Amino acid sequence: MDSNLSRFTNPKGSSCSATQNLYVANCGPAVGISFEDIKSFFSTFGEVVGIHVADDSGTRVIVCYSELTAAEAAFRTLNGCHCGALGGRILHIRYSILQLKQKVNDNDSLFVSLVSSELAIPGIHLVHDFITSEEEQELLAAVDSKPWKNLSKRRVQHYGYEFLYETRNVDTKQFLGELPPFVSPIIEKMSLFQGISDNKGQLLDQLTVNDYPPGIGLSPHIDTHSAFDDMICSLSLAGPCIMEFRKYLLGSCLLRKAIFLPPRSMLLLSGEGRYSWHHYIPHRKVDIVQGKMIRRCSKRVSFTFRKVRSGPCKCKFSQYCDSQKDI
């Protein structure tokens, strides 16, 4: 997502003057479409110079082109049409006048918490030294012995069910098999967590392993509500990073908080922190943590464990929930 927080005024229909900016409804992270995917898709019509949130719903964005002709071509082609590359959704598009309110600088002096109590976001907990250095090396060796799938900037492995980046969801009809034996000790430890231990019949059944080269991060997103149950657990290995959390509120006001994830730490996301805060890893090779410069290692590997949801999400954060959208 573009780092400038934005607002739109007077969305314009096709009968009004065209602009280089398109207000696009039924498109955004709350309906399973990442900002990365939006930019890639709309770039087929010309250079996209920015993707902005239009409001706090997570279902509307503003796509900004460098050329008016590109915006006009996208409008003519996509407005009111099914878009297979975006999960088959019907896009509703208007021209828009963009007003930039505030620039979010990833290198600014945002305070970085070291513990989750400092972060103070309900449902987000960080457990330091969740595993030993010996267990860390065993896990890294285990995944390095398996085949990787290459994405544009990182490589991944999927177990249980494959995560489909095109739709930000999983195909529950394509079961890949049980989670590998080398993560069994990790799952056993996680079973002690409240929220997992309370749901014995809801065992974690999906694992995505990400291998990040130096300087590569993760675009801001909320894991699709309808895809996964409440608890998401992410184990950091090999290298450290900062994870930032962003909450979009009415009036396009942006809340930002950040926490430092050291190697061998386990991050737990549930409740408000899982359902209504975007999480994001800035793309940079050096992080500033409470005045200290910390260089990212040769790579960082994350193990993210989830439970695939069997029905619609019924969380209380309906403004961010794709199951509860009237679309």
C-alpha atoms as a PDB file:
ATOM      1  CA  MET A   1       0.000   0.000   0.000  1.00  0.00           C
ATOM      2  CA  ASP A   2       1.192   3.517  -0.688  1.00  0.00           C
ATOM      3  CA  SER A   3       2.425   5.147   2.522  1.00  0.00           C
ATOM      4  CA  ASN A   4       0.305   8.292   2.108  1.00  0.00           C
ATOM      5  CA  LEU A   5      -2.953   8.289   4.028  1.00  0.00           C
ATOM      6  CA  SER A   6      -5.688   9.579   1.773  1.00  0.00           C
ATOM      7  CA  ARG A   7      -9.246  10.804   1.511  1.00  0.00           C
ATOM      8  CA  PHE A   8     -11.445  11.132  -1.530  1.00  0.00           C
ATOM      9  CA  THR A   9     -14.008  13.786  -2.358  1.00  0.00           C
ATOM     10  CA  ASN A  10     -16.834  13.788  -4.866  1.00  0.00           C
ATOM     11  CA  PRO A  11     -16.489  10.358  -6.491  1.00  0.00           C
ATOM     12  CA  LYS A  12     -17.387  11.024 -10.096  1.00  0.00           C
ATOM     13  CA  GLY A  13     -19.406   8.899 -12.475  1.00  0.00           C
ATOM     14  CA  SER A  14     -18.575   8.408 -16.114  1.00  0.00           C
ATOM     15  CA  SER A  15     -20.669  11.412 -17.100  1.00  0.00           C
ATOM     16  CA  CYS A  16     -18.319  13.768 -15.178  1.00  0.00           C
ATOM     17  CA  SER A  17     -14.790  14.809 -15.971  1.00  0.00           C
ATOM     18  CA  ALA A  18     -12.261  12.003 -15.775  1.00  0.00           C
ATOM     19  CA  THR A  19      -9.331  12.152 -13.368  1.00  0.00           C
ATOM     20  CA  GLN A  20      -6.180  10.081 -12.908  1.00  0.00           C
ATOM     21  CA  ASN A  21      -7.622   8.588  -9.704  1.00  0.00           C
ATOM     22  CA  LEU A  22     -10.174   5.783  -9.492  1.00  0.00           C
ATOM     23  CA  TYR A  23     -12.396   5.093  -6.491  1.00  0.00           C
ATOM     24  CA  VAL A  24     -12.825   1.285  -6.538  1.00  0.00           C
ATOM     25  CA  ALA A  25     -15.475  -0.408  -4.378  1.00  0.00           C
ATOM     26  CA  ASN A  26     -15.687  -4.142  -3.587  1.00  0.00           C
ATOM     27  CA  CYS A  27     -11.907  -4.289  -3.569  1.00  0.00           C
ATOM     28  CA  GLY A  28      -9.521  -4.372  -0.606  1.00  0.00           C
ATOM     29  CA  PRO A  29      -8.067  -6.467   2.215  1.00  0.00           C
ATOM     30  CA  ALA A  30     -11.419  -7.010   3.954  1.00  0.00           C
ATOM     31  CA  VAL A  31     -12.618  -8.943   0.899  1.00  0.00           C
ATOM     32  CA  GLY A  32      -9.385 -10.876   0.556  1.00  0.00           C
ATOM     33  CA  ILE A  33      -7.521  -8.685  -1.956  1.00  0.00           C
ATOM     34  CA  SER A  34      -4.118  -7.328  -0.910  1.00  0.00           C
ATOM     35  CA  PHE A  35      -2.784  -3.902  -1.924  1.00  0.00           C
ATOM     36  CA  GLU A  36       0.049  -5.729  -3.692  1.00  0.00           C
ATOM     37  CA  ASP A  37      -2.448  -7.653  -5.840  1.00  0.00           C
ATOM     38  CA  ILE A  38      -4.504  -4.519  -6.557  1.00  0.00           C
ATOM     39  CA  LYS A  39      -1.459  -2.627  -7.794  1.00  0.00           C
ATOM     40  CA  SER A  40      -0.298  -5.556  -9.924  1.00  0.00           C
ATOM     41  CA  PHE A  41      -3.739  -5.942 -11.531  1.00  0.00           C
ATOM     42  CA  PHE A  42      -4.390  -2.258 -12.267  1.00  0.00           C
ATOM     43  CA  SER A  43      -0.834  -1.806 -13.586  1.00  0.00           C
ATOM     44  CA  THR A  44      -1.861  -3.667 -16.741  1.00  0.00           C
ATOM     45  CA  PHE A  45      -3.472  -0.381 -17.882  1.00  0.00           C
ATOM     46  CA  GLY A  46      -0.544   1.879 -17.049  1.00  0.00           C
ATOM     47  CA  GLU A  47       1.770   3.043 -14.286  1.00  0.00           C
ATOM     48  CA  VAL A  48       0.115   2.972 -10.855  1.00  0.00           C
ATOM     49  CA  VAL A  49       1.731   5.580  -8.587  1.00  0.00           C
ATOM     50  CA  GLY A  50      -0.300   4.861  -5.465  1.00  0.00           C
ATOM     51  CA  ILE A  51      -2.904   2.684  -3.786  1.00  0.00           C
ATOM     52  CA  HIS A  52      -4.785   4.379  -0.940  1.00  0.00           C
ATOM     53  CA  VAL A  53      -7.484   3.326   1.497  1.00  0.00           C
ATOM     54  CA  ALA A  54     -10.728   5.165   0.752  1.00  0.00           C
ATOM     55  CA  ASP A  55     -12.243   4.626   4.220  1.00  0.00           C
ATOM     56  CA  ASP A  56     -12.014   2.336   7.236  1.00  0.00           C
ATOM     57  CA  SER A  57     -14.073  -0.502   5.758  1.00  0.00           C
ATOM     58  CA  GLY A  58     -11.204  -2.289   4.024  1.00  0.00           C
ATOM     59  CA  THR A  59     -13.425  -2.797   0.964  1.00  0.00           C
ATOM     60  CA  ARG A  60     -12.754   0.408  -0.976  1.00  0.00           C
ATOM     61  CA  VAL A  61      -9.523   1.830  -2.351  1.00  0.00           C
ATOM     62  CA  ILE A  62      -8.311   4.648  -4.559  1.00  0.00           C
ATOM     63  CA  VAL A  63      -6.023   3.682  -7.424  1.00  0.00           C
ATOM     64  CA  CYS A  64      -3.847   6.527  -8.701  1.00  0.00           C
ATOM     65  CA  TYR A  65      -2.336   6.481 -12.184  1.00  0.00           C
ATOM     66  CA  SER A  66       0.447   8.646 -13.567  1.00  0.00           C
ATOM     67  CA  GLU A  67      -1.494   9.161 -16.807  1.00  0.00           C
ATOM     68  CA  LEU A  68      -5.142  10.085 -17.348  1.00  0.00           C
ATOM     69  CA  THR A  69      -5.412   7.746 -20.343  1.00  0.00           C
ATOM     70  CA  ALA A  70      -4.529   4.766 -18.146  1.00  0.00           C
ATOM     71  CA  ALA A  71      -7.269   5.634 -15.640  1.00  0.00           C
ATOM     72  CA  GLU A  72      -9.790   6.014 -18.468  1.00  0.00           C
ATOM     73  CA  ALA A  73      -8.832   2.641 -19.944  1.00  0.00           C
ATOM     74  CA  ALA A  74      -9.177   0.906 -16.585  1.00  0.00           C
ATOM     75  CA  PHE A  75     -12.543   2.579 -15.972  1.00  0.00           C
ATOM     76  CA  ARG A  76     -13.943   1.543 -19.363  1.00  0.00           C
ATOM     77  CA  THR A  77     -12.715  -2.033 -19.027  1.00  0.00           C
ATOM     78  CA  LEU A  78     -13.399  -2.841 -15.384  1.00  0.00           C
ATOM     79  CA  ASN A  79     -16.362  -0.855 -14.104  1.00  0.00           C
ATOM     80  CA  GLY A  80     -19.231  -3.235 -13.357  1.00  0.00           C
ATOM     81  CA  CYS A  81     -17.335  -6.278 -14.611  1.00  0.00           C
ATOM     82  CA  HIS A  82     -16.311  -9.564 -13.003  1.00  0.00           C
ATOM     83  CA  CYS A  83     -12.539  -9.587 -12.466  1.00  0.00           C
ATOM     84  CA  GLY A  84     -11.180 -13.118 -12.369  1.00  0.00           C
ATOM     85  CA  ALA A  85      -7.737 -11.971 -11.261  1.00  0.00           C
ATOM     86  CA  LEU A  86      -9.324 -10.403  -8.158  1.00  0.00           C
ATOM     87  CA  GLY A  87     -11.330 -13.392  -7.044  1.00  0.00           C
ATOM     88  CA  GLY A  88     -14.118 -12.875  -9.577  1.00  0.00           C
ATOM     89  CA  ARG A  89     -15.421  -9.790  -7.776  1.00  0.00           C
ATOM     90  CA  ILE A  90     -17.550  -7.169  -9.540  1.00  0.00           C
ATOM     91  CA  LEU A  91     -15.776  -3.821  -9.272  1.00  0.00           C
ATOM     92  CA  HIS A  92     -17.704  -0.568  -8.917  1.00  0.00           C
ATOM     93  CA  ILE A  93     -15.547   2.330 -10.069  1.00  0.00           C
ATOM     94  CA  ARG A  94     -15.862   6.131 -10.100  1.00  0.00           C
ATOM     95  CA  TYR A  95     -13.411   8.889 -10.850  1.00  0.00           C
ATOM     96  CA  SER A  96     -12.134  10.605  -7.729  1.00  0.00           C
ATOM     97  CA  ILE A  97     -10.313  13.717  -6.595  1.00  0.00           C
ATOM     98  CA  LEU A  98      -7.594  12.607  -4.184  1.00  0.00           C
ATOM     99  CA  GLN A  99      -6.597  14.678  -1.188  1.00  0.00           C
ATOM    100  CA  LEU A 100      -3.425  13.629   0.605  1.00  0.00           C
ATOM    101  CA  LYS A 101      -3.711  14.315   4.329  1.00  0.00           C
ATOM    102  CA  GLN A 102      -0.654  12.859   5.989  1.00  0.00           C
ATOM    103  CA  LYS A 103       2.465  11.086   4.905  1.00  0.00           C
ATOM    104  CA  VAL A 104       3.428   7.969   6.810  1.00  0.00           C
ATOM    105  CA  ASN A 105       7.194   7.639   6.791  1.00  0.00           C
ATOM    106  CA  ASP A 106       8.415   4.118   7.522  1.00  0.00           C
ATOM    107  CA  ASN A 107      11.722   5.575   8.730  1.00  0.00           C
ATOM    108  CA  ASP A 108      10.243   8.047  11.204  1.00  0.00           C
ATOM    109  CA  SER A 109      10.596   7.935  14.989  1.00  0.00           C
ATOM    110  CA  LEU A 110       7.750   5.498  15.653  1.00  0.00           C
ATOM    111  CA  PHE A 111       8.318   3.977  19.090  1.00  0.00           C
ATOM    112  CA  VAL A 112       9.107   0.257  18.865  1.00  0.00           C
ATOM    113  CA  SER A 113       7.899  -1.877  21.757  1.00  0.00           C
ATOM    114  CA  LEU A 114      10.010  -4.742  23.051  1.00  0.00           C
ATOM    115  CA  VAL A 115       7.173  -6.554  24.832  1.00  0.00           C
ATOM    116  CA  SER A 116       3.492  -6.885  23.998  1.00  0.00           C
ATOM    117  CA  SER A 117       2.395  -5.129  27.200  1.00  0.00           C
ATOM    118  CA  GLU A 118       4.036  -1.955  25.833  1.00  0.00           C
ATOM    119  CA  LEU A 119       2.271  -2.448  22.513  1.00  0.00           C
ATOM    120  CA  ALA A 120      -1.092  -2.558  24.325  1.00  0.00           C
ATOM    121  CA  ILE A 121      -3.202  -3.960  21.486  1.00  0.00           C
ATOM    122  CA  PRO A 122      -5.845  -6.393  22.785  1.00  0.00           C
ATOM    123  CA  GLY A 123      -5.259  -9.908  21.482  1.00  0.00           C
ATOM    124  CA  ILE A 124      -1.586  -9.467  20.522  1.00  0.00           C
ATOM    125  CA  HIS A 125       0.974 -11.300  22.652  1.00  0.00           C
ATOM    126  CA  LEU A 126       4.688 -11.927  22.100  1.00  0.00           C
ATOM    127  CA  VAL A 127       6.458 -14.857  23.749  1.00  0.00           C
ATOM    128  CA  HIS A 128      10.261 -14.497  23.805  1.00  0.00           C
ATOM    129  CA  ASP A 129      12.543 -17.541  23.491  1.00  0.00           C
ATOM    130  CA  PHE A 130       9.647 -19.820  22.617  1.00  0.00           C
ATOM    131  CA  ILE A 131      12.144 -22.395  21.359  1.00  0.00           C
ATOM    132  CA  THR A 132      15.850 -23.031  21.926  1.00  0.00           C
ATOM    133  CA  SER A 133      18.611 -22.219  19.444  1.00  0.00           C
ATOM    134  CA  GLU A 134      19.038 -25.962  18.850  1.00  0.00           C
ATOM    135  CA  GLU A 135      15.344 -26.338  18.005  1.00  0.00           C
ATOM    136  CA  GLU A 136      15.619 -23.321  15.723  1.00  0.00           C
ATOM    137  CA  GLN A 137      18.449 -24.916  13.725  1.00  0.00           C
ATOM    138  CA  GLU A 138      16.508 -28.182  13.460  1.00  0.00           C
ATOM    139  CA  LEU A 139      13.463 -26.384  12.063  1.00  0.00           C
ATOM    140  CA  LEU A 140      15.542 -24.405   9.548  1.00  0.00           C
ATOM    141  CA  ALA A 141      17.281 -27.573   8.379  1.00  0.00           C
ATOM    142  CA  ALA A 142      13.935 -29.373   8.055  1.00  0.00           C
ATOM    143  CA  VAL A 143      12.355 -26.766   5.767  1.00  0.00           C
ATOM    144  CA  ASP A 144      15.538 -26.319   3.748  1.00  0.00           C
ATOM    145  CA  SER A 145      15.320 -30.019   2.908  1.00  0.00           C
ATOM    146  CA  LYS A 146      11.862 -29.449   1.377  1.00  0.00           C
ATOM    147  CA  PRO A 147      10.986 -27.796  -1.962  1.00  0.00           C
ATOM    148  CA  TRP A 148      10.231 -24.076  -1.948  1.00  0.00           C
ATOM    149  CA  LYS A 149       7.749 -22.141  -4.084  1.00  0.00           C
ATOM    150  CA  ASN A 150       9.171 -18.856  -5.378  1.00  0.00           C
ATOM    151  CA  LEU A 151       7.128 -15.655  -5.165  1.00  0.00           C
ATOM    152  CA  SER A 152       8.234 -12.308  -6.573  1.00  0.00           C
ATOM    153  CA  LYS A 153      10.286 -11.294  -3.506  1.00  0.00           C
ATOM    154  CA  ARG A 154      10.377 -14.322  -1.198  1.00  0.00           C
ATOM    155  CA  ARG A 155       9.838 -18.065  -1.184  1.00  0.00           C
ATOM    156  CA  VAL A 156       7.228 -20.093   0.668  1.00  0.00           C
ATOM    157  CA  GLN A 157       6.110 -23.575   1.680  1.00  0.00           C
ATOM    158  CA  HIS A 158       2.519 -24.566   2.493  1.00  0.00           C
ATOM    159  CA  TYR A 159       1.341 -27.487   4.611  1.00  0.00           C
ATOM    160  CA  GLY A 160      -2.173 -28.716   5.353  1.00  0.00           C
ATOM    161  CA  TYR A 161      -3.751 -26.332   2.845  1.00  0.00           C
ATOM    162  CA  GLU A 162      -2.096 -24.034   0.318  1.00  0.00           C
ATOM    163  CA  PHE A 163      -2.612 -20.327   0.880  1.00  0.00           C
ATOM    164  CA  LEU A 164      -3.858 -18.793  -2.384  1.00  0.00           C
ATOM    165  CA  TYR A 165      -2.394 -15.305  -2.734  1.00  0.00           C
ATOM    166  CA  GLU A 166      -4.717 -14.421  -5.619  1.00  0.00           C
ATOM    167  CA  THR A 167      -7.793 -14.668  -3.374  1.00  0.00           C
ATOM    168  CA  ARG A 168      -6.133 -14.347   0.069  1.00  0.00           C
ATOM    169  CA  ASN A 169      -7.868 -17.599   0.996  1.00  0.00           C
ATOM    170  CA  VAL A 170      -7.486 -21.406   0.894  1.00  0.00           C
ATOM    171  CA  ASP A 171      -9.174 -24.089  -1.166  1.00  0.00           C
ATOM    172  CA  THR A 172     -10.639 -26.392   1.489  1.00  0.00           C
ATOM    173  CA  LYS A 173     -11.185 -29.092  -1.155  1.00  0.00           C
ATOM    174  CA  GLN A 174      -7.429 -29.389  -1.728  1.00  0.00           C
ATOM    175  CA  PHE A 175      -6.054 -30.965   1.454  1.00  0.00           C
ATOM    176  CA  LEU A 176      -2.269 -31.402   1.279  1.00  0.00           C
ATOM    177  CA  GLY A 177      -2.019 -33.742   4.238  1.00  0.00           C
ATOM    178  CA  GLU A 178      -1.294 -33.444   7.936  1.00  0.00           C
ATOM    179  CA  LEU A 179       1.233 -30.911   9.185  1.00  0.00           C
ATOM    180  CA  PRO A 180       4.811 -32.287   9.036  1.00  0.00           C
ATOM    181  CA  PRO A 181       6.220 -34.189  12.037  1.00  0.00           C
ATOM    182  CA  PHE A 182       9.045 -31.666  12.536  1.00  0.00           C
ATOM    183  CA  VAL A 183       6.535 -29.069  13.841  1.00  0.00           C
ATOM    184  CA  SER A 184       4.840 -31.454  16.290  1.00  0.00           C
ATOM    185  CA  PRO A 185       6.877 -30.192  19.302  1.00  0.00           C
ATOM    186  CA  ILE A 186       5.932 -26.610  18.399  1.00  0.00           C
ATOM    187  CA  ILE A 187       2.231 -27.446  18.188  1.00  0.00           C
ATOM    188  CA  GLU A 188       2.433 -29.276  21.501  1.00  0.00           C
ATOM    189  CA  LYS A 189       3.839 -26.142  23.149  1.00  0.00           C
ATOM    190  CA  MET A 190       1.222 -23.967  21.478  1.00  0.00           C
ATOM    191  CA  SER A 191      -1.559 -26.205  22.791  1.00  0.00           C
ATOM    192  CA  LEU A 192      -0.914 -24.644  26.196  1.00  0.00           C
ATOM    193  CA  PHE A 193      -1.969 -21.216  24.950  1.00  0.00           C
ATOM    194  CA  GLN A 194      -5.387 -20.011  26.030  1.00  0.00           C
ATOM    195  CA  GLY A 195      -7.631 -19.947  22.974  1.00  0.00           C
ATOM    196  CA  ILE A 196      -5.986 -23.033  21.485  1.00  0.00           C
ATOM    197  CA  SER A 197      -6.247 -25.237  24.555  1.00  0.00           C
ATOM    198  CA  ASP A 198      -9.886 -24.130  24.955  1.00  0.00           C
ATOM    199  CA  ASN A 199     -10.755 -25.577  21.530  1.00  0.00           C
ATOM    200  CA  LYS A 200      -9.472 -29.137  21.532  1.00  0.00           C
ATOM    201  CA  GLY A 201     -11.539 -29.960  18.462  1.00  0.00           C
ATOM    202  CA  GLN A 202     -10.161 -26.971  16.556  1.00  0.00           C
ATOM    203  CA  LEU A 203      -6.574 -28.075  15.998  1.00  0.00           C
ATOM    204  CA  LEU A 204      -4.250 -25.974  13.861  1.00  0.00           C
ATOM    205  CA  ASP A 205      -4.269 -27.451  10.359  1.00  0.00           C
ATOM    206  CA  GLN A 206      -2.532 -24.916   8.087  1.00  0.00           C
ATOM    207  CA  LEU A 207       1.103 -23.821   8.047  1.00  0.00           C
ATOM    208  CA  THR A 208       2.842 -21.319   5.792  1.00  0.00           C
ATOM    209  CA  VAL A 209       6.630 -21.009   5.967  1.00  0.00           C
ATOM    210  CA  ASN A 210       8.052 -17.752   4.570  1.00  0.00           C
ATOM    211  CA  ASP A 211      11.731 -17.204   3.767  1.00  0.00           C
ATOM    212  CA  TYR A 212      12.489 -13.463   3.564  1.00  0.00           C
ATOM    213  CA  PRO A 213      15.759 -12.224   2.017  1.00  0.00           C
ATOM    214  CA  PRO A 214      17.407  -9.171   3.648  1.00  0.00           C
ATOM    215  CA  GLY A 215      15.331  -6.022   3.255  1.00  0.00           C
ATOM    216  CA  ILE A 216      12.159  -7.799   2.167  1.00  0.00           C
ATOM    217  CA  GLY A 217       9.052  -7.292   4.266  1.00  0.00           C
ATOM    218  CA  LEU A 218       5.330  -7.881   4.085  1.00  0.00           C
ATOM    219  CA  SER A 219       2.579  -5.631   2.722  1.00  0.00           C
ATOM    220  CA  PRO A 220      -0.047  -4.337   5.202  1.00  0.00           C
ATOM    221  CA  HIS A 221      -2.963  -6.747   5.486  1.00  0.00           C
ATOM    222  CA  ILE A 222      -5.474  -8.424   7.765  1.00  0.00           C
ATOM    223  CA  ASP A 223      -5.651 -12.200   7.372  1.00  0.00           C
ATOM    224  CA  THR A 224      -8.989 -12.905   5.665  1.00  0.00           C
ATOM    225  CA  HIS A 225     -11.646 -13.415   8.336  1.00  0.00           C
ATOM    226  CA  SER A 226     -13.567 -16.081   6.434  1.00  0.00           C
ATOM    227  CA  ALA A 227     -10.402 -18.081   5.730  1.00  0.00           C
ATOM    228  CA  PHE A 228      -9.085 -18.708   9.250  1.00  0.00           C
ATOM    229  CA  ASP A 229     -10.283 -19.021  12.839  1.00  0.00           C
ATOM    230  CA  ASP A 230      -9.459 -16.569  15.597  1.00  0.00           C
ATOM    231  CA  MET A 231      -5.950 -17.576  16.708  1.00  0.00           C
ATOM    232  CA  ILE A 232      -2.952 -17.058  14.411  1.00  0.00           C
ATOM    233  CA  CYS A 233       0.538 -17.987  15.657  1.00  0.00           C
ATOM    234  CA  SER A 234       3.752 -16.877  13.959  1.00  0.00           C
ATOM    235  CA  LEU A 235       7.215 -18.110  14.952  1.00  0.00           C
ATOM    236  CA  SER A 236      10.225 -15.985  13.888  1.00  0.00           C
ATOM    237  CA  LEU A 237      13.512 -17.740  13.080  1.00  0.00           C
ATOM    238  CA  ALA A 238      17.037 -16.809  11.930  1.00  0.00           C
ATOM    239  CA  GLY A 239      16.716 -13.023  11.820  1.00  0.00           C
ATOM    240  CA  PRO A 240      14.919 -10.182  13.626  1.00  0.00           C
ATOM    241  CA  CYS A 241      12.520  -7.584  12.253  1.00  0.00           C
ATOM    242  CA  ILE A 242      10.021  -4.947  13.272  1.00  0.00           C
ATOM    243  CA  MET A 243       6.325  -5.658  12.780  1.00  0.00           C
ATOM    244  CA  GLU A 244       4.073  -2.632  12.528  1.00  0.00           C
ATOM    245  CA  PHE A 245       0.337  -2.612  13.250  1.00  0.00           C
ATOM    246  CA  ARG A 246      -1.973  -0.095  11.600  1.00  0.00           C
ATOM    247  CA  LYS A 247      -5.618   0.625  12.329  1.00  0.00           C
ATOM    248  CA  TYR A 248      -7.723   2.661   9.921  1.00  0.00           C
ATOM    249  CA  LEU A 249     -10.495   4.601  11.647  1.00  0.00           C
ATOM    250  CA  LEU A 250     -13.341   6.887  10.674  1.00  0.00           C
ATOM    251  CA  GLY A 251     -12.107  10.094   9.132  1.00  0.00           C
ATOM    252  CA  SER A 252      -9.091   8.265   7.697  1.00  0.00           C
ATOM    253  CA  CYS A 253      -7.125   8.714  10.913  1.00  0.00           C
ATOM    254  CA  LEU A 254      -4.264   6.261  11.181  1.00  0.00           C
ATOM    255  CA  LEU A 255      -3.049   4.579  14.377  1.00  0.00           C
ATOM    256  CA  ARG A 256       0.409   3.016  14.206  1.00  0.00           C
ATOM    257  CA  LYS A 257       2.226   0.822  16.684  1.00  0.00           C
ATOM    258  CA  ALA A 258       5.280  -1.403  16.287  1.00  0.00           C
ATOM    259  CA  ILE A 259       6.992  -4.264  18.077  1.00  0.00           C
ATOM    260  CA  PHE A 260      10.404  -5.872  17.715  1.00  0.00           C
ATOM    261  CA  LEU A 261      10.342  -9.594  16.826  1.00  0.00           C
ATOM    262  CA  PRO A 262      13.602 -11.286  17.861  1.00  0.00           C
ATOM    263  CA  PRO A 263      14.591 -14.744  16.595  1.00  0.00           C
ATOM    264  CA  ARG A 264      12.854 -17.690  18.311  1.00  0.00           C
ATOM    265  CA  SER A 265       9.910 -15.529  19.445  1.00  0.00           C
ATOM    266  CA  MET A 266       6.259 -16.517  18.958  1.00  0.00           C
ATOM    267  CA  LEU A 267       3.682 -13.853  18.062  1.00  0.00           C
ATOM    268  CA  LEU A 268       0.035 -14.609  18.854  1.00  0.00           C
ATOM    269  CA  LEU A 269      -2.780 -12.735  17.098  1.00  0.00           C
ATOM    270  CA  SER A 270      -6.390 -13.050  18.239  1.00  0.00           C
ATOM    271  CA  GLY A 271      -9.453 -10.902  18.860  1.00  0.00           C
ATOM    272  CA  GLU A 272      -9.084  -7.220  18.046  1.00  0.00           C
ATOM    273  CA  GLY A 273      -5.419  -7.531  17.104  1.00  0.00           C
ATOM    274  CA  ARG A 274      -6.143 -10.293  14.619  1.00  0.00           C
ATOM    275  CA  TYR A 275      -9.422  -8.956  13.169  1.00  0.00           C
ATOM    276  CA  SER A 276      -9.094  -5.167  12.961  1.00  0.00           C
ATOM    277  CA  TRP A 277      -5.385  -4.225  12.827  1.00  0.00           C
ATOM    278  CA  HIS A 278      -3.346  -4.523   9.643  1.00  0.00           C
ATOM    279  CA  HIS A 279       0.074  -6.058  10.269  1.00  0.00           C
ATOM    280  CA  TYR A 280       3.063  -5.060   8.196  1.00  0.00           C
ATOM    281  CA  ILE A 281       6.806  -5.649   7.981  1.00  0.00           C
ATOM    282  CA  PRO A 282       8.590  -2.611   6.468  1.00  0.00           C
ATOM    283  CA  HIS A 283      10.846  -3.282   3.487  1.00  0.00           C
ATOM    284  CA  ARG A 284      14.287  -2.213   4.754  1.00  0.00           C
ATOM    285  CA  LYS A 285      17.612  -3.731   5.784  1.00  0.00           C
ATOM    286  CA  VAL A 286      18.123  -1.762   8.998  1.00  0.00           C
ATOM    287  CA  ASP A 287      15.620  -1.193  11.823  1.00  0.00           C
ATOM    288  CA  ILE A 288      15.882   1.450  14.532  1.00  0.00           C
ATOM    289  CA  VAL A 289      14.730  -0.008  17.855  1.00  0.00           C
ATOM    290  CA  GLN A 290      14.610   2.463  20.737  1.00  0.00           C
ATOM    291  CA  GLY A 291      17.605   4.380  19.416  1.00  0.00           C
ATOM    292  CA  LYS A 292      19.666   1.330  18.441  1.00  0.00           C
ATOM    293  CA  MET A 293      20.379   0.324  14.837  1.00  0.00           C
ATOM    294  CA  ILE A 294      19.675  -3.365  14.225  1.00  0.00           C
ATOM    295  CA  ARG A 295      20.683  -4.801  10.874  1.00  0.00           C
ATOM    296  CA  ARG A 296      18.525  -7.590   9.501  1.00  0.00           C
ATOM    297  CA  CYS A 297      20.305 -10.907   9.001  1.00  0.00           C
ATOM    298  CA  SER A 298      20.950 -12.773   5.770  1.00  0.00           C
ATOM    299  CA  LYS A 299      17.384 -14.041   5.951  1.00  0.00           C
ATOM    300  CA  ARG A 300      14.367 -14.338   8.217  1.00  0.00           C
ATOM    301  CA  VAL A 301      12.083 -17.392   8.264  1.00  0.00           C
ATOM    302  CA  SER A 302       8.593 -17.378   9.755  1.00  0.00           C
ATOM    303  CA  PHE A 303       6.315 -20.320  10.566  1.00  0.00           C
ATOM    304  CA  THR A 304       2.679 -19.142  10.589  1.00  0.00           C
ATOM    305  CA  PHE A 305       0.126 -21.574  12.000  1.00  0.00           C
ATOM    306  CA  ARG A 306      -3.621 -21.192  11.440  1.00  0.00           C
ATOM    307  CA  LYS A 307      -6.890 -23.139  11.636  1.00  0.00           C
ATOM    308  CA  VAL A 308      -8.947 -23.105   8.429  1.00  0.00           C
ATOM    309  CA  ARG A 309     -12.443 -21.810   9.163  1.00  0.00           C
ATOM    310  CA  SER A 310     -15.338 -24.176   8.409  1.00  0.00           C
ATOM    311  CA  GLY A 311     -18.097 -21.545   8.248  1.00  0.00           C
ATOM    312  CA  PRO A 312     -18.597 -17.778   8.006  1.00  0.00           C
ATOM    313  CA  CYS A 313     -16.849 -15.493  10.464  1.00  0.00           C
ATOM    314  CA  LYS A 314     -19.144 -14.029  13.127  1.00  0.00           C
ATOM    315  CA  CYS A 315     -16.653 -11.727  14.858  1.00  0.00           C
ATOM    316  CA  LYS A 316     -17.699  -8.394  16.369  1.00  0.00           C
ATOM    317  CA  PHE A 317     -15.440  -6.447  14.005  1.00  0.00           C
ATOM    318  CA  SER A 318     -17.947  -6.419  11.153  1.00  0.00           C
ATOM    319  CA  GLN A 319     -16.473  -3.361   9.405  1.00  0.00           C
ATOM    320  CA  TYR A 320     -13.363  -5.420   8.601  1.00  0.00           C
ATOM    321  CA  CYS A 321     -15.110  -8.776   8.083  1.00  0.00           C
ATOM    322  CA  ASP A 322     -15.637 -10.157   4.583  1.00  0.00           C
ATOM    323  CA  SER A 323     -18.243 -12.638   5.912  1.00  0.00           C
ATOM    324  CA  GLN A 324     -20.432  -9.806   7.153  1.00  0.00           C
ATOM    325  CA  LYS A 325     -20.218  -7.420   4.206  1.00  0.00           C
ATOM    326  CA  ASP A 326     -23.331  -6.680   2.178  1.00  0.00           C
ATOM    327  CA  ILE A 327     -21.592  -6.976  -1.183  1.00  0.00           C
END
